[in-house]
Every structure is written in C-alpha cells, then in structure tokens.
Amino acid sequence: MLSPDQKDRLRVTAVKEKGKIIQKNLDLLSEFMKYAFEHPEVLNKIPPEAELILLPTNDLKLRALNKKMAKSLTIKGKKVVVVEIEKPKSIVSKIELLIT
C-alpha cells in the first residue's frame, strides 16, 4: 500500500510526463504548420471534420501513444488523418523585435 507521500509523488510524475507529451505534440504541430505554410495544398487534403494525428518517425514512444489515440478516435467513429513527421531536433527561434 502506498503512503500519501508516495501517491503525491506518483501524481506529480504523471503530470510532468503528460506535460512532456503535450509539449512534444505541440512541437510536432509547429513543424507541421511550418510545412503547411510552405505547401498550403496539403491542408486541402485534410477534411474539416477530421482529427489530425501526428506520428513522429524518430520518437517511438510518442509515436505509439499517438497511434493509440488515432485508434481510439477511429473506434469512436471520428474521421482521422494521420501524418508521419520527423520530430524536430530542437527548436531555436531567433526573433528580433524592431520598433520604429
């Protein structure tokens, strides 16, 4: 049986892990959107009612989680579009604010 302290630590760990997964998916979405800006025709292939699921080619754990989500949505009768995408190595933005 777990003590209350152990339960709290497990909850904190689960929340941190979920946050990492969310951040990785946001990073994938950012990459997809960059691609879509350069190739807007890709957006015409995605039905408006579809759920977009991104499968990273270089993160097997996230890929498995996202595939599971796609399967779950399909079982629920949702239309799903799956996109294979390479996970960005690291995102380093260079932004310069110019005030005139």
Foldseek 3Di string as FASTA:
>chain_A
DDDPVRVVVVVVVVVVVVVVLVVQVVQQVVVVVVVCVVVVVVVVVADPQEDEFEAAPPDVVSNVVSVVVQVVCVVVVGHYDYHYDHRDPDDDDDDDDDDD
